[in-house]
Amino acid sequence: MNNAQRGAVEFRAVRKNYGAFTAIPQLDLRIEPGQLVTLLGPSGCGKTTTLRMLAGLETPSEGAILIGGEDVTRLPPNRRDVTMVFQSYALFPHMSVIDNVAYGLESGGLKRAEARTAAGQGLELVGLSGLGDRLPSELSGGQQQRVAVARALVLEPQVLLLDEPLSNLDARLRRRVRTEIRELQQRLGFTAVYVTHDQDEALAVSDRIVVMKDGRIAQDGTPRELYESPASEFIADFIGEANVIDCEVLAVGGDQARIRVGTAELDLPARRAAPGPARLAVRPNAFAVTGEGPGLEGRVVSAAYLGDHIEYEIDGPAGRLFVMDSSGTDPLPQGAPVRLGLRPGGAALIA
C-alpha cells in the first residue's frame, strides 16, 4: 500500500439492495486521508447502511469499496483495517478499563503485558491515565465514550468509524465529548467517518459533511459551504434552520445576482440563477428587525426572550417567518407591525 493513500476511502458506483428495496441506488464518494467526514441525514437516508458497508457488516450489491487503495469489497470486517465506535460503547462490564482497551490487541495475538502497555498509552491519549483499574460502571458516560475511542485507536486502524457516538449523552456532555473527539482526530491525523443525525454535531466536528437523502448524496461540502450555500430547500432546512421565501432575480452579472425581496434589493452569488421568480433561503439571524426601511412587512405573532436573543414568529405576505434578534432591544408585543431587513451573509438562492 502506498503510504500516501493510507486512510483514503472510496466508494465506486456502490449499490445496496435489500430484496426488491434499493437502499443505496448509486454511491460515488472519496474521503481523503486524515479527513473527518460526517454522513448526515434523517432516519432512513442510507448513512448507517453506508457506514456498515465500509465496516464490512453489509456487502454491496454492486460496485467497489477501497480503503488505502485496496479493494475490500468482499473482505470480512477483521481484514479491513477499520475499527468502529458504537453508540452503546459495547464495553465489557466485568473487565477493567485497561482490559477493555487491551482486549482487541490480545485477541490479535499480542502478549498480555505488551497489550496492557499499549492500552495504557491509549488511555493517556484520551485523557484517562490513572483510571485503568476501574470498571466501566465507575466512569461517567463521557469517560466511557473515551474508553471506547481508546480501544479503537490502539489497534491503529486506517479508518475510525463512529456510529452515532454521542447519542447516549446529555446535551452538555455531548458538546464536550464531540470537542474532545475532534481535537484527538486533528492531533493524531487519522481518517474518521462519523455518522449522526444531529446537524450541530456535524457542523462542529467535520472537515466535510455528506448530506444524504433517499440513499443519494444531496450535497457534499465543508460545514460553512453547506450552511451558507445550501444547494436545495431540503439542505437549507436540514442544516440549521431556514426560512424559504419567494424572491425575484432582477439581473445576473457574472457570478452575482441582483434580487428583490419585498421592498429590499441585494446582491447575492448567482448560483446559476436566471432573471425571474426564484426561491431564497434566509437564516433566522439574517433578518434585521426594524420599524422602517426596505424589507419585508409583517406583524409579530409571538416573541420569546432567551437571554442573548429574542425569537420571533412574524406573519406577513412572505408567510410565517422564524426570526432571531440579537439587537438587545426589548421584545415587541404581539400584533406589533415590523419590517425585516436582510443581511446578505445569511441568505442564499436555492434551486
Protein backbone atom coordinates (compact mmCIF):
# COMPACT_ATOMS: atom_id res chain seq x y z
CA MET A 1 0.00 0.00 0.00
CA ASN A 2 1.20 3.49 -0.84
CA ASN A 3 1.63 5.35 2.47
CA ALA A 4 0.21 8.48 0.83
CA GLN A 5 -3.04 6.54 0.37
CA ARG A 6 -3.21 5.17 3.92
CA GLY A 7 -6.62 6.06 5.31
CA ALA A 8 -8.14 7.00 1.95
CA VAL A 9 -11.69 5.68 1.44
CA GLU A 10 -13.50 5.34 -1.85
CA PHE A 11 -16.96 4.14 -2.86
CA ARG A 12 -17.18 3.41 -6.58
CA ALA A 13 -20.69 3.06 -8.03
CA VAL A 14 -21.84 1.24 -4.88
CA ARG A 15 -25.41 -0.03 -4.83
CA LYS A 16 -27.18 -1.80 -1.95
CA ASN A 17 -30.42 -3.72 -2.36
CA TYR A 18 -32.48 -5.48 0.28
CA GLY A 19 -34.63 -7.75 -1.83
CA ALA A 20 -36.75 -5.50 -4.02
CA PHE A 21 -35.89 -2.40 -1.95
CA THR A 22 -32.93 -0.28 -3.03
CA ALA A 23 -31.37 1.44 -0.01
CA ILE A 24 -28.42 2.94 -1.93
CA PRO A 25 -29.10 3.48 -5.67
CA GLN A 26 -25.52 4.53 -6.51
CA LEU A 27 -22.86 5.99 -4.26
CA ASP A 28 -19.64 7.58 -5.52
CA LEU A 29 -17.63 9.12 -2.71
CA ARG A 30 -13.96 9.68 -1.91
CA ILE A 31 -12.60 10.56 1.54
CA GLU A 32 -9.05 11.85 1.68
CA PRO A 33 -6.55 10.58 4.29
CA GLY A 34 -6.74 12.47 7.57
CA GLN A 35 -10.20 13.91 7.00
CA LEU A 36 -13.12 13.65 9.39
CA VAL A 37 -16.16 13.25 7.16
CA THR A 38 -19.67 13.12 8.58
CA LEU A 39 -22.53 11.28 6.94
CA LEU A 40 -25.60 13.27 7.91
CA GLY A 41 -29.26 12.86 7.19
CA PRO A 42 -32.67 11.89 8.53
CA SER A 43 -33.61 8.35 9.52
CA GLY A 44 -33.70 6.01 6.53
CA CYS A 45 -31.45 8.17 4.32
CA GLY A 46 -28.77 5.47 3.93
CA LYS A 47 -26.00 6.86 6.15
CA THR A 48 -25.85 3.88 8.53
CA THR A 49 -26.03 1.41 5.64
CA THR A 50 -23.07 3.22 4.06
CA LEU A 51 -21.06 3.00 7.29
CA ARG A 52 -21.89 -0.68 7.74
CA MET A 53 -20.75 -1.43 4.18
CA LEU A 54 -17.47 0.33 4.91
CA ALA A 55 -17.07 -1.70 8.11
CA GLY A 56 -17.80 -4.98 6.31
CA LEU A 57 -21.03 -5.60 8.21
CA GLU A 58 -23.01 -5.27 4.97
CA THR A 59 -21.96 -6.31 1.45
CA PRO A 60 -22.66 -4.06 -1.55
CA SER A 61 -24.95 -5.49 -4.21
CA GLU A 62 -22.82 -3.76 -6.86
CA GLY A 63 -19.74 -1.58 -7.02
CA ALA A 64 -16.48 -1.48 -5.08
CA ILE A 65 -15.18 -0.12 -1.76
CA LEU A 66 -11.50 0.76 -1.41
CA ILE A 67 -9.53 1.51 1.78
CA GLY A 68 -5.97 2.72 1.37
CA GLY A 69 -6.20 1.94 -2.33
CA GLU A 70 -7.05 -1.73 -1.68
CA ASP A 71 -10.34 -3.26 -2.82
CA VAL A 72 -12.00 -4.54 0.37
CA THR A 73 -15.50 -5.04 -1.06
CA ARG A 74 -15.60 -8.77 -0.27
CA LEU A 75 -13.26 -8.81 2.74
CA PRO A 76 -14.64 -9.64 6.22
CA PRO A 77 -14.55 -6.93 8.93
CA ASN A 78 -11.42 -8.31 10.64
CA ARG A 79 -9.37 -7.88 7.44
CA ARG A 80 -10.34 -4.29 6.64
CA ASP A 81 -8.09 -2.33 9.00
CA VAL A 82 -11.00 -0.29 10.33
CA THR A 83 -12.49 -0.11 13.81
CA MET A 84 -15.89 1.12 14.90
CA VAL A 85 -17.07 3.05 17.94
CA PHE A 86 -20.71 2.18 18.58
CA GLN A 87 -23.32 4.40 20.19
CA SER A 88 -23.72 1.84 23.00
CA TYR A 89 -19.90 1.82 23.61
CA ALA A 90 -20.04 -2.04 23.85
CA LEU A 91 -17.65 -2.14 26.83
CA PHE A 92 -17.33 -5.39 28.79
CA PRO A 93 -18.86 -4.58 32.19
CA HIS A 94 -16.88 -7.24 34.11
CA MET A 95 -13.49 -6.11 32.75
CA SER A 96 -11.40 -3.21 33.99
CA VAL A 97 -10.98 -0.21 31.75
CA ILE A 98 -7.43 -1.16 30.75
CA ASP A 99 -8.50 -4.73 29.97
CA ASN A 100 -11.32 -3.39 27.79
CA VAL A 101 -8.82 -1.31 25.81
CA ALA A 102 -6.31 -4.17 25.58
CA TYR A 103 -8.89 -6.76 24.52
CA GLY A 104 -8.59 -6.23 20.77
CA LEU A 105 -4.80 -6.29 20.91
CA GLU A 106 -4.73 -9.54 22.86
CA SER A 107 -7.32 -11.07 20.55
CA GLY A 108 -5.00 -10.19 17.68
CA GLY A 109 -2.16 -12.17 19.24
CA LEU A 110 -0.22 -9.55 21.22
CA LYS A 111 1.16 -10.73 24.57
CA ARG A 112 -0.78 -9.55 27.60
CA ALA A 113 1.99 -7.34 29.01
CA GLU A 114 2.54 -5.62 25.65
CA ALA A 115 -1.19 -5.20 25.13
CA ARG A 116 -1.63 -3.58 28.53
CA THR A 117 1.28 -1.22 27.88
CA ALA A 118 -0.28 -0.14 24.59
CA ALA A 119 -3.69 0.15 26.31
CA GLY A 120 -2.17 2.45 28.92
CA GLN A 121 -0.80 4.65 26.15
CA GLY A 122 -4.24 4.67 24.53
CA LEU A 123 -5.87 5.81 27.76
CA GLU A 124 -3.29 8.56 28.05
CA LEU A 125 -4.18 9.72 24.55
CA VAL A 126 -7.80 10.25 25.55
CA GLY A 127 -7.01 11.79 28.93
CA LEU A 128 -7.89 8.83 31.13
CA SER A 129 -4.50 7.97 32.65
CA GLY A 130 -4.86 6.54 36.12
CA LEU A 131 -8.36 5.15 35.56
CA GLY A 132 -7.32 1.83 34.04
CA ASP A 133 -8.21 -0.26 37.10
CA ARG A 134 -11.79 1.00 37.31
CA LEU A 135 -14.80 -0.81 35.93
CA PRO A 136 -16.84 0.90 33.17
CA SER A 137 -19.71 1.36 35.62
CA GLU A 138 -17.46 3.56 37.75
CA LEU A 139 -16.97 6.05 34.92
CA SER A 140 -19.19 8.81 33.59
CA GLY A 141 -20.86 8.47 30.21
CA GLY A 142 -18.28 10.75 28.62
CA GLN A 143 -15.41 8.77 30.12
CA GLN A 144 -16.93 5.51 28.86
CA GLN A 145 -17.11 7.02 25.38
CA ARG A 146 -13.43 7.91 25.54
CA VAL A 147 -12.59 4.35 26.60
CA ALA A 148 -14.41 3.09 23.51
CA VAL A 149 -12.40 5.53 21.36
CA ALA A 150 -9.13 4.46 23.02
CA ARG A 151 -9.95 0.79 22.42
CA ALA A 152 -10.43 1.55 18.74
CA LEU A 153 -7.34 3.75 18.38
CA VAL A 154 -4.84 1.31 19.94
CA LEU A 155 -5.49 -1.02 17.00
CA GLU A 156 -4.02 1.73 14.78
CA PRO A 157 -6.67 1.37 12.07
CA GLN A 158 -6.53 3.15 8.77
CA VAL A 159 -10.05 4.43 9.38
CA LEU A 160 -12.03 5.03 12.57
CA LEU A 161 -15.80 4.66 12.19
CA LEU A 162 -18.13 6.39 14.66
CA ASP A 163 -21.81 5.40 14.64
CA GLU A 164 -23.93 8.00 16.48
CA PRO A 165 -21.21 8.06 19.17
CA LEU A 166 -22.78 10.76 21.35
CA SER A 167 -26.44 9.78 21.23
CA ASN A 168 -26.45 8.38 24.78
CA LEU A 169 -25.01 11.54 26.36
CA ASP A 170 -26.86 14.59 27.66
CA ALA A 171 -26.61 17.86 25.72
CA ARG A 172 -23.81 19.45 27.77
CA LEU A 173 -21.70 16.28 27.75
CA ARG A 174 -22.26 15.85 24.00
CA ARG A 175 -20.71 19.26 23.39
CA ARG A 176 -17.66 18.45 25.49
CA VAL A 177 -17.05 14.96 24.11
CA ARG A 178 -17.51 16.00 20.48
CA THR A 179 -14.83 18.66 21.04
CA GLU A 180 -12.53 16.02 22.54
CA ILE A 181 -13.07 13.66 19.60
CA ARG A 182 -12.34 16.44 17.12
CA GLU A 183 -9.20 17.57 18.96
CA LEU A 184 -7.95 13.98 19.14
CA GLN A 185 -8.59 13.37 15.44
CA GLN A 186 -6.77 16.55 14.44
CA ARG A 187 -3.85 15.84 16.76
CA LEU A 188 -3.35 12.26 15.58
CA GLY A 189 -4.37 12.84 11.96
CA PHE A 190 -6.37 9.65 11.46
CA THR A 191 -9.20 9.31 8.94
CA ALA A 192 -12.65 9.20 10.52
CA VAL A 193 -16.12 8.58 9.15
CA TYR A 194 -18.77 9.85 11.54
CA VAL A 195 -22.49 9.12 11.32
CA THR A 196 -25.05 11.34 13.01
CA HIS A 197 -28.49 12.86 12.50
CA ASP A 198 -27.54 15.87 14.66
CA GLN A 199 -26.81 18.92 12.50
CA ASP A 200 -24.99 20.87 15.23
CA GLU A 201 -22.77 17.88 15.92
CA ALA A 202 -21.90 17.56 12.23
CA LEU A 203 -21.11 21.27 11.90
CA ALA A 204 -18.88 21.17 14.98
CA VAL A 205 -16.64 18.18 14.18
CA SER A 206 -16.39 17.83 10.40
CA ASP A 207 -13.91 18.69 7.69
CA ARG A 208 -16.64 17.70 5.22
CA ILE A 209 -20.30 16.86 5.58
CA VAL A 210 -22.04 14.48 3.19
CA VAL A 211 -25.79 15.02 3.47
CA MET A 212 -27.78 12.01 2.32
CA LYS A 213 -31.39 11.73 1.21
CA ASP A 214 -33.11 8.60 -0.09
CA GLY A 215 -29.77 6.80 -0.40
CA ARG A 216 -28.15 9.53 -2.51
CA ILE A 217 -25.78 12.39 -1.78
CA ALA A 218 -27.87 15.55 -1.61
CA GLN A 219 -24.84 17.81 -1.04
CA ASP A 220 -21.19 17.34 -0.13
CA GLY A 221 -19.06 20.18 1.20
CA THR A 222 -17.49 21.93 4.16
CA PRO A 223 -19.73 22.90 7.09
CA ARG A 224 -19.57 26.53 6.00
CA GLU A 225 -20.45 25.73 2.38
CA LEU A 226 -23.50 23.73 3.40
CA TYR A 227 -24.69 26.31 5.92
CA GLU A 228 -24.12 29.41 3.81
CA SER A 229 -24.76 27.98 0.34
CA PRO A 230 -27.37 25.20 0.58
CA ALA A 231 -28.00 23.56 -2.78
CA SER A 232 -31.68 22.90 -2.20
CA GLU A 233 -34.61 23.63 0.07
CA PHE A 234 -34.00 20.27 1.76
CA ILE A 235 -30.41 21.19 2.66
CA ALA A 236 -31.38 24.69 3.77
CA ASP A 237 -33.97 23.31 6.15
CA PHE A 238 -31.88 20.37 7.37
CA ILE A 239 -28.60 22.18 8.06
CA GLY A 240 -29.66 24.67 10.69
CA GLU A 241 -32.99 26.39 10.33
CA ALA A 242 -34.01 28.43 7.32
CA ASN A 243 -36.95 30.43 6.07
CA VAL A 244 -37.56 29.66 2.40
CA ILE A 245 -39.32 32.56 0.70
CA ASP A 246 -40.11 33.79 -2.79
CA CYS A 247 -37.96 36.44 -4.40
CA GLU A 248 -37.30 37.90 -7.85
CA VAL A 249 -33.97 37.86 -9.66
CA LEU A 250 -33.75 41.25 -11.33
CA ALA A 251 -30.46 40.79 -13.16
CA VAL A 252 -27.45 38.49 -13.35
CA GLY A 253 -23.95 39.77 -14.00
CA GLY A 254 -21.04 37.36 -13.83
CA ASP A 255 -21.36 35.35 -10.63
CA GLN A 256 -23.64 37.87 -8.89
CA ALA A 257 -27.42 38.27 -8.99
CA ARG A 258 -29.44 41.31 -8.05
CA ILE A 259 -32.58 40.19 -6.25
CA ARG A 260 -35.67 41.81 -4.80
CA VAL A 261 -37.31 40.59 -1.59
CA GLY A 262 -40.32 42.63 -0.57
CA THR A 263 -39.12 46.20 -0.97
CA ALA A 264 -35.44 45.33 -0.38
CA GLU A 265 -32.81 44.67 -3.05
CA LEU A 266 -29.48 42.95 -2.50
CA ASP A 267 -26.68 41.20 -4.36
CA LEU A 268 -26.02 37.50 -3.84
CA PRO A 269 -23.99 34.75 -5.53
CA ALA A 270 -26.00 33.86 -8.64
CA ARG A 271 -25.57 30.08 -8.41
CA ARG A 272 -26.85 29.52 -11.95
CA ALA A 273 -29.93 31.70 -11.38
CA ALA A 274 -31.67 33.39 -14.28
CA PRO A 275 -33.81 36.56 -14.18
CA GLY A 276 -37.32 35.86 -12.93
CA PRO A 277 -39.01 34.23 -9.92
CA ALA A 278 -36.71 32.34 -7.53
CA ARG A 279 -36.51 30.93 -4.02
CA LEU A 280 -34.36 32.29 -1.24
CA ALA A 281 -33.20 30.56 1.97
CA VAL A 282 -32.78 33.03 4.83
CA ARG A 283 -31.30 32.08 8.20
CA PRO A 284 -33.29 33.33 11.21
CA ASN A 285 -30.42 35.57 12.37
CA ALA A 286 -30.03 37.15 8.93
CA PHE A 287 -33.10 39.32 9.44
CA ALA A 288 -32.79 42.78 10.93
CA VAL A 289 -35.90 43.69 12.90
CA THR A 290 -36.59 47.35 12.16
CA GLY A 291 -39.52 49.72 12.19
CA GLU A 292 -38.80 51.24 8.80
CA GLY A 293 -36.66 50.98 5.67
CA PRO A 294 -36.67 48.43 2.83
CA GLY A 295 -37.54 44.84 3.56
CA LEU A 296 -40.43 42.53 4.35
CA GLU A 297 -43.52 43.70 6.19
CA GLY A 298 -45.20 41.68 8.89
CA ARG A 299 -46.70 41.51 12.35
CA VAL A 300 -45.45 39.82 15.49
CA VAL A 301 -47.26 36.55 16.20
CA SER A 302 -45.13 35.60 19.20
CA ALA A 303 -41.94 36.67 20.96
CA ALA A 304 -39.75 34.60 23.31
CA TYR A 305 -36.94 36.19 25.33
CA LEU A 306 -33.98 33.77 25.55
CA GLY A 307 -31.34 35.87 27.27
CA ASP A 308 -28.89 36.66 24.48
CA HIS A 309 -31.57 36.89 21.79
CA ILE A 310 -35.29 37.11 21.12
CA GLU A 311 -37.08 34.58 18.93
CA TYR A 312 -39.99 35.92 16.91
CA GLU A 313 -42.62 34.42 14.71
CA ILE A 314 -43.58 37.04 12.13
CA ASP A 315 -46.59 36.73 9.84
CA GLY A 316 -46.81 38.65 6.58
CA PRO A 317 -47.04 38.41 2.79
CA ALA A 318 -43.94 36.19 2.72
CA GLY A 319 -45.62 33.70 5.06
CA ARG A 320 -44.79 32.71 8.65
CA LEU A 321 -41.14 33.54 9.37
CA PHE A 322 -38.87 32.49 12.24
CA VAL A 323 -36.59 35.36 13.25
CA MET A 324 -33.78 35.63 15.82
CA ASP A 325 -32.99 39.16 17.01
CA SER A 326 -29.76 39.80 18.97
CA SER A 327 -30.00 43.60 18.99
CA GLY A 328 -30.63 43.75 22.75
CA THR A 329 -33.94 45.60 22.44
CA ASP A 330 -36.99 44.63 24.46
CA PRO A 331 -39.36 42.09 22.87
CA LEU A 332 -42.04 43.60 20.66
CA PRO A 333 -45.64 42.94 21.72
CA GLN A 334 -47.92 40.54 19.89
CA GLY A 335 -49.51 42.22 16.88
CA ALA A 336 -46.83 44.90 16.57
CA PRO A 337 -46.00 45.85 12.96
CA VAL A 338 -42.40 45.20 11.92
CA ARG A 339 -40.20 45.47 8.89
CA LEU A 340 -37.49 42.87 8.30
CA GLY A 341 -34.30 43.96 6.61
CA LEU A 342 -31.90 41.36 5.17
CA ARG A 343 -28.20 40.77 5.79
CA PRO A 344 -26.66 39.16 2.67
CA GLY A 345 -24.41 36.81 4.70
CA GLY A 346 -27.32 34.68 5.82
CA ALA A 347 -29.28 34.45 2.57
CA ALA A 348 -28.71 32.18 -0.43
CA LEU A 349 -30.52 31.47 -3.68
CA ILE A 350 -31.53 27.84 -3.90
CA ALA A 351 -32.61 25.51 -6.68
